[in-house]
């Protein structure tokens, strides 16, 4: 799982939840898209069992998902890629939590993508995910 920007907090919540359900997930936060040369990206992709999910708070066209897909193609990594982000559509402004839920870039949407990828159900709720705070990660 790769995330960037404000989606990283949501990815961390989802990762925490999924690991408590017994699923091993590697989450990598991407800080820079240009140049896209961090060797950790390829190292992570080479370990993938089920597939790859990218999560970003802007268009899925030409962003993090596209860059990860190019690395997969260049290195012949034949796994499913699910790109979570804003579809090619007009958006509007509002409060961050509302927009993240509306456009499917929240922790629950990420868990649903994982369910699709591994063909399993976790039945996560928004309340369970909201209870996971970033403070939990400060001790790791």
Protein backbone atom coordinates (compact mmCIF):
# COMPACT_ATOMS: atom_id res chain seq x y z
CA UNK A 1 0.00 0.00 0.00
CA UNK A 2 1.37 3.39 -1.02
CA UNK A 3 -0.08 6.71 0.12
CA UNK A 4 0.74 10.38 -0.17
CA UNK A 5 -0.21 13.66 1.47
CA UNK A 6 -3.35 13.79 3.64
CA UNK A 7 -4.31 10.25 2.63
CA UNK A 8 -1.46 8.87 4.72
CA UNK A 9 -3.37 9.34 7.98
CA UNK A 10 -6.29 7.38 6.51
CA UNK A 11 -3.91 4.67 5.24
CA UNK A 12 -2.36 4.40 8.70
CA UNK A 13 -5.79 3.93 10.28
CA UNK A 14 -6.71 1.28 7.72
CA UNK A 15 -3.37 -0.51 8.12
CA UNK A 16 -3.76 -0.58 11.90
CA UNK A 17 -7.27 -2.04 11.57
CA UNK A 18 -6.25 -4.64 8.97
CA UNK A 19 -3.28 -5.83 11.02
CA UNK A 20 -5.59 -6.32 14.02
CA UNK A 21 -7.69 -8.52 11.72
CA UNK A 22 -4.62 -10.67 11.01
CA UNK A 23 -3.68 -9.30 7.58
CA UNK A 24 -0.06 -8.37 6.99
CA UNK A 25 0.13 -5.02 5.21
CA UNK A 26 3.15 -2.99 4.22
CA UNK A 27 2.37 0.70 4.05
CA UNK A 28 4.79 3.14 2.43
CA UNK A 29 4.27 6.90 2.62
CA UNK A 30 5.52 8.63 -0.52
CA UNK A 31 6.73 12.18 0.11
CA UNK A 32 7.85 13.12 -3.41
CA UNK A 33 6.54 12.16 -6.83
CA UNK A 34 9.38 13.79 -8.76
CA UNK A 35 11.85 12.28 -9.07
CA UNK A 36 10.17 8.93 -8.43
CA UNK A 37 13.38 7.01 -7.76
CA UNK A 38 13.16 5.80 -4.15
CA UNK A 39 14.45 2.17 -4.16
CA UNK A 40 11.93 1.33 -1.39
CA UNK A 41 9.14 1.44 -3.99
CA UNK A 42 10.60 -1.40 -6.05
CA UNK A 43 11.70 -3.33 -2.93
CA UNK A 44 8.13 -3.17 -1.64
CA UNK A 45 6.57 -4.11 -4.98
CA UNK A 46 8.80 -7.18 -5.26
CA UNK A 47 7.34 -8.52 -1.97
CA UNK A 48 3.68 -8.17 -2.97
CA UNK A 49 1.46 -11.23 -2.50
CA UNK A 50 -2.04 -10.11 -3.45
CA UNK A 51 -1.65 -6.79 -5.19
CA UNK A 52 -0.91 -3.10 -4.79
CA UNK A 53 -3.11 -0.22 -3.68
CA UNK A 54 -2.23 3.44 -4.06
CA UNK A 55 -4.12 6.21 -2.29
CA UNK A 56 -3.84 9.90 -3.10
CA UNK A 57 -5.94 13.02 -2.64
CA UNK A 58 -5.98 14.13 -6.25
CA UNK A 59 -6.63 12.67 -9.68
CA UNK A 60 -5.76 9.02 -10.22
CA UNK A 61 -4.62 10.06 -13.70
CA UNK A 62 -0.92 10.89 -13.77
CA UNK A 63 -0.33 10.72 -10.03
CA UNK A 64 1.04 8.24 -7.52
CA UNK A 65 -0.93 5.30 -8.93
CA UNK A 66 0.33 5.96 -12.43
CA UNK A 67 3.94 6.19 -11.23
CA UNK A 68 3.67 2.96 -9.22
CA UNK A 69 2.06 1.29 -12.23
CA UNK A 70 4.97 2.35 -14.42
CA UNK A 71 7.49 0.86 -11.96
CA UNK A 72 5.46 -2.36 -11.94
CA UNK A 73 5.40 -2.47 -15.74
CA UNK A 74 9.11 -1.67 -16.13
CA UNK A 75 10.01 -4.46 -13.69
CA UNK A 76 7.43 -6.97 -14.95
CA UNK A 77 5.60 -7.15 -11.62
CA UNK A 78 2.34 -8.78 -12.66
CA UNK A 79 0.03 -7.98 -9.73
CA UNK A 80 -3.28 -6.18 -9.57
CA UNK A 81 -3.08 -2.41 -9.01
CA UNK A 82 -5.97 -0.53 -7.42
CA UNK A 83 -5.72 3.25 -7.57
CA UNK A 84 -7.71 5.17 -4.95
CA UNK A 85 -8.07 8.86 -5.62
CA UNK A 86 -10.25 11.41 -7.34
CA UNK A 87 -11.80 10.10 -10.54
CA UNK A 88 -11.69 12.28 -13.65
CA UNK A 89 -14.55 14.53 -12.59
CA UNK A 90 -15.29 18.03 -11.32
CA UNK A 91 -15.07 18.33 -7.55
CA UNK A 92 -16.11 20.97 -5.05
CA UNK A 93 -14.92 22.33 -1.72
CA UNK A 94 -16.17 21.44 1.76
CA UNK A 95 -14.83 20.14 5.06
CA UNK A 96 -11.95 17.64 4.77
CA UNK A 97 -13.75 14.64 6.38
CA UNK A 98 -16.80 15.13 4.17
CA UNK A 99 -14.74 15.38 0.98
CA UNK A 100 -12.57 12.37 1.84
CA UNK A 101 -15.66 10.22 2.37
CA UNK A 102 -17.52 11.63 -0.66
CA UNK A 103 -14.61 10.95 -3.01
CA UNK A 104 -13.64 7.60 -1.49
CA UNK A 105 -10.22 8.57 -0.13
CA UNK A 106 -10.86 7.63 3.50
CA UNK A 107 -9.82 4.62 5.59
CA UNK A 108 -13.09 2.78 5.03
CA UNK A 109 -12.75 3.08 1.24
CA UNK A 110 -9.23 1.74 1.51
CA UNK A 111 -10.39 -1.26 3.52
CA UNK A 112 -13.07 -1.93 0.89
CA UNK A 113 -10.33 -1.91 -1.78
CA UNK A 114 -8.33 -4.42 0.28
CA UNK A 115 -11.44 -6.60 0.60
CA UNK A 116 -11.80 -6.57 -3.18
CA UNK A 117 -8.13 -7.35 -3.67
CA UNK A 118 -8.05 -10.36 -1.33
CA UNK A 119 -11.68 -11.43 -1.87
CA UNK A 120 -12.56 -11.28 1.84
CA UNK A 121 -14.77 -9.18 4.11
CA UNK A 122 -13.84 -7.39 7.34
CA UNK A 123 -17.05 -5.42 7.96
CA UNK A 124 -15.17 -2.41 9.32
CA UNK A 125 -17.20 0.52 10.57
CA UNK A 126 -16.45 4.22 10.50
CA UNK A 127 -16.60 4.29 14.31
CA UNK A 128 -13.92 1.59 14.60
CA UNK A 129 -11.65 3.47 12.23
CA UNK A 130 -12.28 6.85 13.84
CA UNK A 131 -11.22 5.37 17.20
CA UNK A 132 -7.75 4.67 15.76
CA UNK A 133 -5.71 7.77 16.44
CA UNK A 134 -2.26 8.67 15.17
CA UNK A 135 -1.02 8.73 18.75
CA UNK A 136 -1.09 4.94 18.54
CA UNK A 137 1.78 5.15 16.06
CA UNK A 138 4.04 7.36 18.17
CA UNK A 139 5.06 4.38 20.29
CA UNK A 140 6.07 2.17 17.37
